[in-house]
Amino acid sequence: MMSLQNFVLARATIEDFTRYGSYDDWQDKQEGIQVGYLMSGVDAILINLDFIAFKLWCTSSGFEPNEKALARYAIHFYKYTGGQPDDDIAANPHHELPY
């Protein structure tokens, strides 16, 4: 998840986000994905992400900023911080990811 302010930044710079009519539309999709995982028996939580930190991570790890990269970043963020803010999140972008 991201704040409305971060969503506005993402929508202005990432093509994937332009397909959502509003922040509420995007938020509903994220919650729907979470519910789908939970119904499948997969633990899934929503964590708040900072768009600027995400962009820095993309730059340092060589990913194009898009929704798939955002999902990878969320895994990275959670794996290395337990979902807590970390000023050094972009410092270690090279690690194993499940996909």
PDB file of N, CA and C in Angstrom:
ATOM      1  N   MET A   1       0.853  -1.174   0.000  1.00  0.00           N
ATOM      2  CA  MET A   1       0.000   0.000   0.000  1.00  0.00           C
ATOM      3  C   MET A   1       0.896   1.234   0.000  1.00  0.00           C
ATOM      4  N   MET A   2       0.320   2.335  -0.353  1.00  0.00           N
ATOM      5  CA  MET A   2       0.990   3.615  -0.244  1.00  0.00           C
ATOM      6  C   MET A   2      -0.045   4.666   0.113  1.00  0.00           C
ATOM      7  N   SER A   3       0.464   5.740   0.622  1.00  0.00           N
ATOM      8  CA  SER A   3      -0.416   6.857   0.955  1.00  0.00           C
ATOM      9  C   SER A   3      -0.954   7.473  -0.336  1.00  0.00           C
ATOM     10  N   LEU A   4      -1.973   8.287  -0.198  1.00  0.00           N
ATOM     11  CA  LEU A   4      -2.519   8.999  -1.355  1.00  0.00           C
ATOM     12  C   LEU A   4      -1.431   9.840  -2.018  1.00  0.00           C
ATOM     13  N   GLN A   5      -0.622  10.514  -1.232  1.00  0.00           N
ATOM     14  CA  GLN A   5       0.455  11.350  -1.774  1.00  0.00           C
ATOM     15  C   GLN A   5       1.431  10.501  -2.594  1.00  0.00           C
ATOM     16  N   ASN A   6       1.811   9.336  -2.085  1.00  0.00           N
ATOM     17  CA  ASN A   6       2.706   8.444  -2.825  1.00  0.00           C
ATOM     18  C   ASN A   6       2.038   7.897  -4.077  1.00  0.00           C
ATOM     19  N   PHE A   7       0.746   7.607  -4.003  1.00  0.00           N
ATOM     20  CA  PHE A   7       0.015   7.128  -5.175  1.00  0.00           C
ATOM     21  C   PHE A   7       0.012   8.187  -6.272  1.00  0.00           C
ATOM     22  N   VAL A   8      -0.202   9.443  -5.898  1.00  0.00           N
ATOM     23  CA  VAL A   8      -0.196  10.534  -6.881  1.00  0.00           C
ATOM     24  C   VAL A   8       1.159  10.606  -7.577  1.00  0.00           C
ATOM     25  N   LEU A   9       2.247  10.480  -6.812  1.00  0.00           N
ATOM     26  CA  LEU A   9       3.591  10.462  -7.405  1.00  0.00           C
ATOM     27  C   LEU A   9       3.752   9.267  -8.351  1.00  0.00           C
ATOM     28  N   ALA A  10       3.316   8.107  -7.909  1.00  0.00           N
ATOM     29  CA  ALA A  10       3.435   6.902  -8.738  1.00  0.00           C
ATOM     30  C   ALA A  10       2.624   7.058 -10.017  1.00  0.00           C
ATOM     31  N   ARG A  11       1.426   7.564  -9.907  1.00  0.00           N
ATOM     32  CA  ARG A  11       0.547   7.713 -11.068  1.00  0.00           C
ATOM     33  C   ARG A  11       1.122   8.693 -12.080  1.00  0.00           C
ATOM     34  N   ALA A  12       1.848   9.686 -11.590  1.00  0.00           N
ATOM     35  CA  ALA A  12       2.435  10.687 -12.477  1.00  0.00           C
ATOM     36  C   ALA A  12       3.679  10.162 -13.200  1.00  0.00           C
ATOM     37  N   THR A  13       4.292   9.092 -12.688  1.00  0.00           N
ATOM     38  CA  THR A  13       5.567   8.656 -13.261  1.00  0.00           C
ATOM     39  C   THR A  13       5.600   7.200 -13.719  1.00  0.00           C
ATOM     40  N   ILE A  14       4.609   6.399 -13.369  1.00  0.00           N
ATOM     41  CA  ILE A  14       4.606   4.984 -13.742  1.00  0.00           C
ATOM     42  C   ILE A  14       3.338   4.673 -14.531  1.00  0.00           C
ATOM     43  N   GLU A  15       3.533   4.223 -15.762  1.00  0.00           N
ATOM     44  CA  GLU A  15       2.405   3.988 -16.655  1.00  0.00           C
ATOM     45  C   GLU A  15       1.377   3.013 -16.086  1.00  0.00           C
ATOM     46  N   ASP A  16       1.827   1.971 -15.394  1.00  0.00           N
ATOM     47  CA  ASP A  16       0.900   0.977 -14.825  1.00  0.00           C
ATOM     48  C   ASP A  16      -0.183   1.625 -13.956  1.00  0.00           C
ATOM     49  N   PHE A  17       0.156   2.699 -13.295  1.00  0.00           N
ATOM     50  CA  PHE A  17      -0.772   3.316 -12.348  1.00  0.00           C
ATOM     51  C   PHE A  17      -1.824   4.188 -13.026  1.00  0.00           C
ATOM     52  N   THR A  18      -1.629   4.529 -14.291  1.00  0.00           N
ATOM     53  CA  THR A  18      -2.591   5.401 -14.974  1.00  0.00           C
ATOM     54  C   THR A  18      -3.899   4.675 -15.271  1.00  0.00           C
ATOM     55  N   ARG A  19      -3.899   3.358 -15.200  1.00  0.00           N
ATOM     56  CA  ARG A  19      -5.140   2.621 -15.484  1.00  0.00           C
ATOM     57  C   ARG A  19      -6.154   2.695 -14.339  1.00  0.00           C
ATOM     58  N   TYR A  20      -5.725   3.199 -13.195  1.00  0.00           N
ATOM     59  CA  TYR A  20      -6.643   3.334 -12.060  1.00  0.00           C
ATOM     60  C   TYR A  20      -7.267   4.721 -12.078  1.00  0.00           C
ATOM     61  N   GLY A  21      -8.576   4.747 -11.989  1.00  0.00           N
ATOM     62  CA  GLY A  21      -9.280   6.019 -12.019  1.00  0.00           C
ATOM     63  C   GLY A  21      -9.053   6.874 -10.786  1.00  0.00           C
ATOM     64  N   SER A  22      -8.714   6.204  -9.683  1.00  0.00           N
ATOM     65  CA  SER A  22      -8.528   6.940  -8.433  1.00  0.00           C
ATOM     66  C   SER A  22      -7.688   6.106  -7.471  1.00  0.00           C
ATOM     67  N   TYR A  23      -7.283   6.752  -6.399  1.00  0.00           N
ATOM     68  CA  TYR A  23      -6.565   6.060  -5.332  1.00  0.00           C
ATOM     69  C   TYR A  23      -7.432   4.943  -4.764  1.00  0.00           C
ATOM     70  N   ASP A  24      -8.716   5.210  -4.591  1.00  0.00           N
ATOM     71  CA  ASP A  24      -9.626   4.186  -4.056  1.00  0.00           C
ATOM     72  C   ASP A  24      -9.670   2.956  -4.952  1.00  0.00           C
ATOM     73  N   ASP A  25      -9.667   3.161  -6.295  1.00  0.00           N
ATOM     74  CA  ASP A  25      -9.652   2.026  -7.227  1.00  0.00           C
ATOM     75  C   ASP A  25      -8.401   1.173  -7.023  1.00  0.00           C
ATOM     76  N   TRP A  26      -7.252   1.845  -6.918  1.00  0.00           N
ATOM     77  CA  TRP A  26      -5.990   1.125  -6.735  1.00  0.00           C
ATOM     78  C   TRP A  26      -5.984   0.391  -5.392  1.00  0.00           C
ATOM     79  N   GLN A  27      -6.448   1.073  -4.361  1.00  0.00           N
ATOM     80  CA  GLN A  27      -6.484   0.474  -3.018  1.00  0.00           C
ATOM     81  C   GLN A  27      -7.411  -0.744  -3.007  1.00  0.00           C
ATOM     82  N   ASP A  28      -8.558  -0.636  -3.667  1.00  0.00           N
ATOM     83  CA  ASP A  28      -9.478  -1.777  -3.751  1.00  0.00           C
ATOM     84  C   ASP A  28      -8.824  -2.973  -4.429  1.00  0.00           C
ATOM     85  N   LYS A  29      -8.041  -2.721  -5.488  1.00  0.00           N
ATOM     86  CA  LYS A  29      -7.358  -3.818  -6.172  1.00  0.00           C
ATOM     87  C   LYS A  29      -6.361  -4.491  -5.239  1.00  0.00           C
ATOM     88  N   GLN A  30      -5.602  -3.706  -4.493  1.00  0.00           N
ATOM     89  CA  GLN A  30      -4.608  -4.275  -3.577  1.00  0.00           C
ATOM     90  C   GLN A  30      -5.286  -5.118  -2.507  1.00  0.00           C
ATOM     91  N   GLU A  31      -6.386  -4.626  -1.987  1.00  0.00           N
ATOM     92  CA  GLU A  31      -7.115  -5.385  -0.963  1.00  0.00           C
ATOM     93  C   GLU A  31      -7.710  -6.654  -1.552  1.00  0.00           C
ATOM     94  N   GLY A  32      -8.168  -6.592  -2.810  1.00  0.00           N
ATOM     95  CA  GLY A  32      -8.695  -7.774  -3.489  1.00  0.00           C
ATOM     96  C   GLY A  32      -7.631  -8.837  -3.683  1.00  0.00           C
ATOM     97  N   ILE A  33      -6.429  -8.406  -4.043  1.00  0.00           N
ATOM     98  CA  ILE A  33      -5.314  -9.345  -4.192  1.00  0.00           C
ATOM     99  C   ILE A  33      -5.027 -10.018  -2.857  1.00  0.00           C
ATOM    100  N   GLN A  34      -5.025  -9.235  -1.795  1.00  0.00           N
ATOM    101  CA  GLN A  34      -4.770  -9.792  -0.462  1.00  0.00           C
ATOM    102  C   GLN A  34      -5.832 -10.827  -0.104  1.00  0.00           C
ATOM    103  N   VAL A  35      -7.090 -10.508  -0.330  1.00  0.00           N
ATOM    104  CA  VAL A  35      -8.173 -11.434  -0.011  1.00  0.00           C
ATOM    105  C   VAL A  35      -8.023 -12.728  -0.823  1.00  0.00           C
ATOM    106  N   GLY A  36      -7.654 -12.592  -2.102  1.00  0.00           N
ATOM    107  CA  GLY A  36      -7.440 -13.778  -2.934  1.00  0.00           C
ATOM    108  C   GLY A  36      -6.372 -14.688  -2.366  1.00  0.00           C
ATOM    109  N   TYR A  37      -5.261 -14.094  -1.942  1.00  0.00           N
ATOM    110  CA  TYR A  37      -4.201 -14.898  -1.326  1.00  0.00           C
ATOM    111  C   TYR A  37      -4.683 -15.557  -0.038  1.00  0.00           C
ATOM    112  N   LEU A  38      -5.365 -14.792   0.794  1.00  0.00           N
ATOM    113  CA  LEU A  38      -5.844 -15.339   2.067  1.00  0.00           C
ATOM    114  C   LEU A  38      -6.812 -16.494   1.834  1.00  0.00           C
ATOM    115  N   MET A  39      -7.692 -16.359   0.842  1.00  0.00           N
ATOM    116  CA  MET A  39      -8.650 -17.424   0.539  1.00  0.00           C
ATOM    117  C   MET A  39      -7.952 -18.668  -0.002  1.00  0.00           C
ATOM    118  N   SER A  40      -6.765 -18.480  -0.566  1.00  0.00           N
ATOM    119  CA  SER A  40      -5.978 -19.601  -1.078  1.00  0.00           C
ATOM    120  C   SER A  40      -5.112 -20.237   0.001  1.00  0.00           C
ATOM    121  N   GLY A  41      -5.179 -19.689   1.211  1.00  0.00           N
ATOM    122  CA  GLY A  41      -4.399 -20.229   2.306  1.00  0.00           C
ATOM    123  C   GLY A  41      -3.008 -19.637   2.432  1.00  0.00           C
ATOM    124  N   VAL A  42      -2.741 -18.562   1.706  1.00  0.00           N
ATOM    125  CA  VAL A  42      -1.434 -17.916   1.756  1.00  0.00           C
ATOM    126  C   VAL A  42      -1.522 -16.716   2.689  1.00  0.00           C
ATOM    127  N   ASP A  43      -0.598 -16.625   3.627  1.00  0.00           N
ATOM    128  CA  ASP A  43      -0.559 -15.446   4.495  1.00  0.00           C
ATOM    129  C   ASP A  43      -0.194 -14.234   3.650  1.00  0.00           C
ATOM    130  N   ALA A  44      -0.978 -13.203   3.755  1.00  0.00           N
ATOM    131  CA  ALA A  44      -0.714 -11.976   2.988  1.00  0.00           C
ATOM    132  C   ALA A  44      -1.093 -10.783   3.844  1.00  0.00           C
ATOM    133  N   ILE A  45      -0.199  -9.823   3.896  1.00  0.00           N
ATOM    134  CA  ILE A  45      -0.483  -8.594   4.623  1.00  0.00           C
ATOM    135  C   ILE A  45      -0.215  -7.413   3.701  1.00  0.00           C
ATOM    136  N   LEU A  46      -0.842  -6.315   4.011  1.00  0.00           N
ATOM    137  CA  LEU A  46      -0.579  -5.072   3.293  1.00  0.00           C
ATOM    138  C   LEU A  46       0.344  -4.225   4.148  1.00  0.00           C
ATOM    139  N   ILE A  47       1.414  -3.730   3.546  1.00  0.00           N
ATOM    140  CA  ILE A  47       2.339  -2.865   4.275  1.00  0.00           C
ATOM    141  C   ILE A  47       2.447  -1.545   3.536  1.00  0.00           C
ATOM    142  N   ASN A  48       2.680  -0.484   4.284  1.00  0.00           N
ATOM    143  CA  ASN A  48       2.828   0.839   3.681  1.00  0.00           C
ATOM    144  C   ASN A  48       4.229   1.003   3.122  1.00  0.00           C
ATOM    145  N   LEU A  49       4.299   1.442   1.874  1.00  0.00           N
ATOM    146  CA  LEU A  49       5.569   1.641   1.197  1.00  0.00           C
ATOM    147  C   LEU A  49       5.742   3.100   0.809  1.00  0.00           C
ATOM    148  N   ASP A  50       6.982   3.538   0.804  1.00  0.00           N
ATOM    149  CA  ASP A  50       7.304   4.902   0.395  1.00  0.00           C
ATOM    150  C   ASP A  50       7.718   4.899  -1.072  1.00  0.00           C
ATOM    151  N   PHE A  51       7.087   5.739  -1.883  1.00  0.00           N
ATOM    152  CA  PHE A  51       7.351   5.746  -3.315  1.00  0.00           C
ATOM    153  C   PHE A  51       8.780   6.160  -3.640  1.00  0.00           C
ATOM    154  N   ILE A  52       9.313   7.142  -2.952  1.00  0.00           N
ATOM    155  CA  ILE A  52      10.681   7.591  -3.222  1.00  0.00           C
ATOM    156  C   ILE A  52      11.673   6.467  -2.914  1.00  0.00           C
ATOM    157  N   ALA A  53      11.486   5.768  -1.802  1.00  0.00           N
ATOM    158  CA  ALA A  53      12.358   4.636  -1.477  1.00  0.00           C
ATOM    159  C   ALA A  53      12.225   3.542  -2.541  1.00  0.00           C
ATOM    160  N   PHE A  54      11.015   3.311  -3.024  1.00  0.00           N
ATOM    161  CA  PHE A  54      10.795   2.329  -4.091  1.00  0.00           C
ATOM    162  C   PHE A  54      11.559   2.721  -5.350  1.00  0.00           C
ATOM    163  N   LYS A  55      11.479   3.980  -5.755  1.00  0.00           N
ATOM    164  CA  LYS A  55      12.196   4.441  -6.951  1.00  0.00           C
ATOM    165  C   LYS A  55      13.705   4.289  -6.773  1.00  0.00           C
ATOM    166  N   LEU A  56      14.218   4.619  -5.588  1.00  0.00           N
ATOM    167  CA  LEU A  56      15.655   4.448  -5.322  1.00  0.00           C
ATOM    168  C   LEU A  56      16.044   2.976  -5.426  1.00  0.00           C
ATOM    169  N   TRP A  57      15.213   2.114  -4.865  1.00  0.00           N
ATOM    170  CA  TRP A  57      15.475   0.682  -4.927  1.00  0.00           C
ATOM    171  C   TRP A  57      15.486   0.201  -6.376  1.00  0.00           C
ATOM    172  N   CYS A  58      14.528   0.657  -7.184  1.00  0.00           N
ATOM    173  CA  CYS A  58      14.495   0.272  -8.595  1.00  0.00           C
ATOM    174  C   CYS A  58      15.782   0.692  -9.298  1.00  0.00           C
ATOM    175  N   THR A  59      16.211   1.916  -9.052  1.00  0.00           N
ATOM    176  CA  THR A  59      17.434   2.417  -9.676  1.00  0.00           C
ATOM    177  C   THR A  59      18.639   1.588  -9.267  1.00  0.00           C
ATOM    178  N   SER A  60      18.765   1.311  -7.982  1.00  0.00           N
ATOM    179  CA  SER A  60      19.941   0.589  -7.492  1.00  0.00           C
ATOM    180  C   SER A  60      19.913  -0.892  -7.850  1.00  0.00           C
ATOM    181  N   SER A  61      18.734  -1.451  -8.119  1.00  0.00           N
ATOM    182  CA  SER A  61      18.649  -2.875  -8.411  1.00  0.00           C
ATOM    183  C   SER A  61      18.423  -3.174  -9.886  1.00  0.00           C
ATOM    184  N   GLY A  62      18.238  -2.133 -10.688  1.00  0.00           N
ATOM    185  CA  GLY A  62      18.091  -2.321 -12.130  1.00  0.00           C
ATOM    186  C   GLY A  62      16.704  -2.703 -12.595  1.00  0.00           C
ATOM    187  N   PHE A  63      15.695  -2.504 -11.768  1.00  0.00           N
ATOM    188  CA  PHE A  63      14.325  -2.793 -12.172  1.00  0.00           C
ATOM    189  C   PHE A  63      13.662  -1.552 -12.741  1.00  0.00           C
ATOM    190  N   GLU A  64      12.836  -1.751 -13.765  1.00  0.00           N
ATOM    191  CA  GLU A  64      12.011  -0.658 -14.262  1.00  0.00           C
ATOM    192  C   GLU A  64      10.860  -0.479 -13.269  1.00  0.00           C
ATOM    193  N   PRO A  65      10.583   0.751 -12.845  1.00  0.00           N
ATOM    194  CA  PRO A  65       9.473   0.956 -11.907  1.00  0.00           C
ATOM    195  C   PRO A  65       8.126   0.622 -12.558  1.00  0.00           C
ATOM    196  N   ASN A  66       7.481  -0.404 -12.045  1.00  0.00           N
ATOM    197  CA  ASN A  66       6.144  -0.790 -12.493  1.00  0.00           C
ATOM    198  C   ASN A  66       5.496  -1.581 -11.357  1.00  0.00           C
ATOM    199  N   GLU A  67       4.284  -2.064 -11.606  1.00  0.00           N
ATOM    200  CA  GLU A  67       3.591  -2.768 -10.516  1.00  0.00           C
ATOM    201  C   GLU A  67       4.275  -4.072 -10.122  1.00  0.00           C
ATOM    202  N   LYS A  68       4.846  -4.780 -11.072  1.00  0.00           N
ATOM    203  CA  LYS A  68       5.551  -6.017 -10.731  1.00  0.00           C
ATOM    204  C   LYS A  68       6.765  -5.700  -9.859  1.00  0.00           C
ATOM    205  N   ALA A  69       7.494  -4.650 -10.210  1.00  0.00           N
ATOM    206  CA  ALA A  69       8.644  -4.255  -9.391  1.00  0.00           C
ATOM    207  C   ALA A  69       8.185  -3.821  -8.002  1.00  0.00           C
ATOM    208  N   LEU A  70       7.025  -3.175  -7.919  1.00  0.00           N
ATOM    209  CA  LEU A  70       6.508  -2.763  -6.616  1.00  0.00           C
ATOM    210  C   LEU A  70       6.243  -3.989  -5.735  1.00  0.00           C
ATOM    211  N   ALA A  71       5.716  -5.060  -6.334  1.00  0.00           N
ATOM    212  CA  ALA A  71       5.489  -6.301  -5.576  1.00  0.00           C
ATOM    213  C   ALA A  71       6.823  -6.883  -5.102  1.00  0.00           C
ATOM    214  N   ARG A  72       7.835  -6.878  -5.966  1.00  0.00           N
ATOM    215  CA  ARG A  72       9.163  -7.364  -5.570  1.00  0.00           C
ATOM    216  C   ARG A  72       9.729  -6.504  -4.442  1.00  0.00           C
ATOM    217  N   TYR A  73       9.561  -5.195  -4.571  1.00  0.00           N
ATOM    218  CA  TYR A  73      10.050  -4.277  -3.539  1.00  0.00           C
ATOM    219  C   TYR A  73       9.357  -4.538  -2.207  1.00  0.00           C
ATOM    220  N   ALA A  74       8.064  -4.804  -2.244  1.00  0.00           N
ATOM    221  CA  ALA A  74       7.328  -5.085  -1.003  1.00  0.00           C
ATOM    222  C   ALA A  74       7.911  -6.311  -0.306  1.00  0.00           C
ATOM    223  N   ILE A  75       8.256  -7.341  -1.091  1.00  0.00           N
ATOM    224  CA  ILE A  75       8.884  -8.535  -0.512  1.00  0.00           C
ATOM    225  C   ILE A  75      10.232  -8.170   0.092  1.00  0.00           C
ATOM    226  N   HIS A  76      11.027  -7.427  -0.671  1.00  0.00           N
ATOM    227  CA  HIS A  76      12.334  -6.969  -0.192  1.00  0.00           C
ATOM    228  C   HIS A  76      12.177  -6.171   1.100  1.00  0.00           C
ATOM    229  N   PHE A  77      11.277  -5.222   1.087  1.00  0.00           N
ATOM    230  CA  PHE A  77      11.044  -4.351   2.242  1.00  0.00           C
ATOM    231  C   PHE A  77      10.669  -5.170   3.466  1.00  0.00           C
ATOM    232  N   TYR A  78       9.708  -6.083   3.289  1.00  0.00           N
ATOM    233  CA  TYR A  78       9.261  -6.890   4.419  1.00  0.00           C
ATOM    234  C   TYR A  78      10.358  -7.831   4.901  1.00  0.00           C
ATOM    235  N   LYS A  79      11.071  -8.436   3.962  1.00  0.00           N
ATOM    236  CA  LYS A  79      12.122  -9.391   4.326  1.00  0.00           C
ATOM    237  C   LYS A  79      13.216  -8.736   5.161  1.00  0.00           C
ATOM    238  N   TYR A  80      13.582  -7.511   4.811  1.00  0.00           N
ATOM    239  CA  TYR A  80      14.701  -6.868   5.484  1.00  0.00           C
ATOM    240  C   TYR A  80      14.307  -5.939   6.625  1.00  0.00           C
ATOM    241  N   THR A  81      13.036  -5.617   6.749  1.00  0.00           N
ATOM    242  CA  THR A  81      12.639  -4.697   7.818  1.00  0.00           C
ATOM    243  C   THR A  81      11.500  -5.239   8.665  1.00  0.00           C
ATOM    244  N   GLY A  82      10.894  -6.331   8.267  1.00  0.00           N
ATOM    245  CA  GLY A  82       9.729  -6.829   8.975  1.00  0.00           C
ATOM    246  C   GLY A  82       8.542  -5.886   8.827  1.00  0.00           C
ATOM    247  N   GLY A  83       8.589  -5.043   7.792  1.00  0.00           N
ATOM    248  CA  GLY A  83       7.505  -4.095   7.533  1.00  0.00           C
ATOM    249  C   GLY A  83       7.688  -2.762   8.215  1.00  0.00           C
ATOM    250  N   GLN A  84       8.810  -2.594   8.921  1.00  0.00           N
ATOM    251  CA  GLN A  84       9.071  -1.336   9.623  1.00  0.00           C
ATOM    252  C   GLN A  84       9.918  -0.417   8.737  1.00  0.00           C
ATOM    253  N   PRO A  85       9.716   0.892   8.824  1.00  0.00           N
ATOM    254  CA  PRO A  85      10.518   1.822   8.023  1.00  0.00           C
ATOM    255  C   PRO A  85      12.008   1.634   8.287  1.00  0.00           C
ATOM    256  N   ASP A  86      12.781   1.756   7.230  1.00  0.00           N
ATOM    257  CA  ASP A  86      14.230   1.590   7.314  1.00  0.00           C
ATOM    258  C   ASP A  86      14.886   2.579   6.369  1.00  0.00           C
ATOM    259  N   ASP A  87      15.703   3.488   6.908  1.00  0.00           N
ATOM    260  CA  ASP A  87      16.355   4.500   6.085  1.00  0.00           C
ATOM    261  C   ASP A  87      17.328   3.898   5.088  1.00  0.00           C
ATOM    262  N   ASP A  88      17.768   2.668   5.309  1.00  0.00           N
ATOM    263  CA  ASP A  88      18.784   2.054   4.466  1.00  0.00           C
ATOM    264  C   ASP A  88      18.191   0.995   3.532  1.00  0.00           C
ATOM    265  N   ILE A  89      16.894   1.088   3.226  1.00  0.00           N
ATOM    266  CA  ILE A  89      16.215   0.039   2.472  1.00  0.00           C
ATOM    267  C   ILE A  89      16.780  -0.151   1.072  1.00  0.00           C
ATOM    268  N   ALA A  90      17.265   0.906   0.442  1.00  0.00           N
ATOM    269  CA  ALA A  90      17.781   0.781  -0.923  1.00  0.00           C
ATOM    270  C   ALA A  90      19.225   0.313  -0.957  1.00  0.00           C
ATOM    271  N   ALA A  91      19.858   0.170   0.180  1.00  0.00           N
ATOM    272  CA  ALA A  91      21.286  -0.132   0.227  1.00  0.00           C
ATOM    273  C   ALA A  91      21.610  -1.569  -0.165  1.00  0.00           C
ATOM    274  N   ASN A  92      20.678  -2.505   0.000  1.00  0.00           N
ATOM    275  CA  ASN A  92      20.970  -3.900  -0.290  1.00  0.00           C
ATOM    276  C   ASN A  92      19.911  -4.494  -1.219  1.00  0.00           C
ATOM    277  N   PRO A  93      19.892  -4.054  -2.479  1.00  0.00           N
ATOM    278  CA  PRO A  93      18.834  -4.523  -3.381  1.00  0.00           C
ATOM    279  C   PRO A  93      19.078  -5.910  -3.963  1.00  0.00           C
ATOM    280  N   HIS A  94      20.267  -6.467  -3.828  1.00  0.00           N
ATOM    281  CA  HIS A  94      20.600  -7.731  -4.477  1.00  0.00           C
ATOM    282  C   HIS A  94      20.452  -8.893  -3.509  1.00  0.00           C
ATOM    283  N   HIS A  95      19.401  -9.636  -3.692  1.00  0.00           N
ATOM    284  CA  HIS A  95      19.101 -10.767  -2.833  1.00  0.00           C
ATOM    285  C   HIS A  95      18.163 -11.693  -3.580  1.00  0.00           C
ATOM    286  N   GLU A  96      17.948 -12.871  -3.045  1.00  0.00           N
ATOM    287  CA  GLU A  96      17.031 -13.812  -3.672  1.00  0.00           C
ATOM    288  C   GLU A  96      15.594 -13.386  -3.459  1.00  0.00           C
ATOM    289  N   LEU A  97      14.822 -13.475  -4.518  1.00  0.00           N
ATOM    290  CA  LEU A  97      13.401 -13.209  -4.437  1.00  0.00           C
ATOM    291  C   LEU A  97      12.668 -14.446  -4.951  1.00  0.00           C
ATOM    292  N   PRO A  98      11.445 -14.663  -4.517  1.00  0.00           N
ATOM    293  CA  PRO A  98      10.744 -15.878  -4.907  1.00  0.00           C
ATOM    294  C   PRO A  98      10.335 -15.915  -6.374  1.00  0.00           C
ATOM    295  N   TYR A  99      10.454 -14.816  -7.106  1.00  0.00           N
ATOM    296  CA  TYR A  99      10.115 -14.827  -8.544  1.00  0.00           C
ATOM    297  C   TYR A  99      10.932 -13.822  -9.276  1.00  0.00           C
TER     298      TYR A  99
END
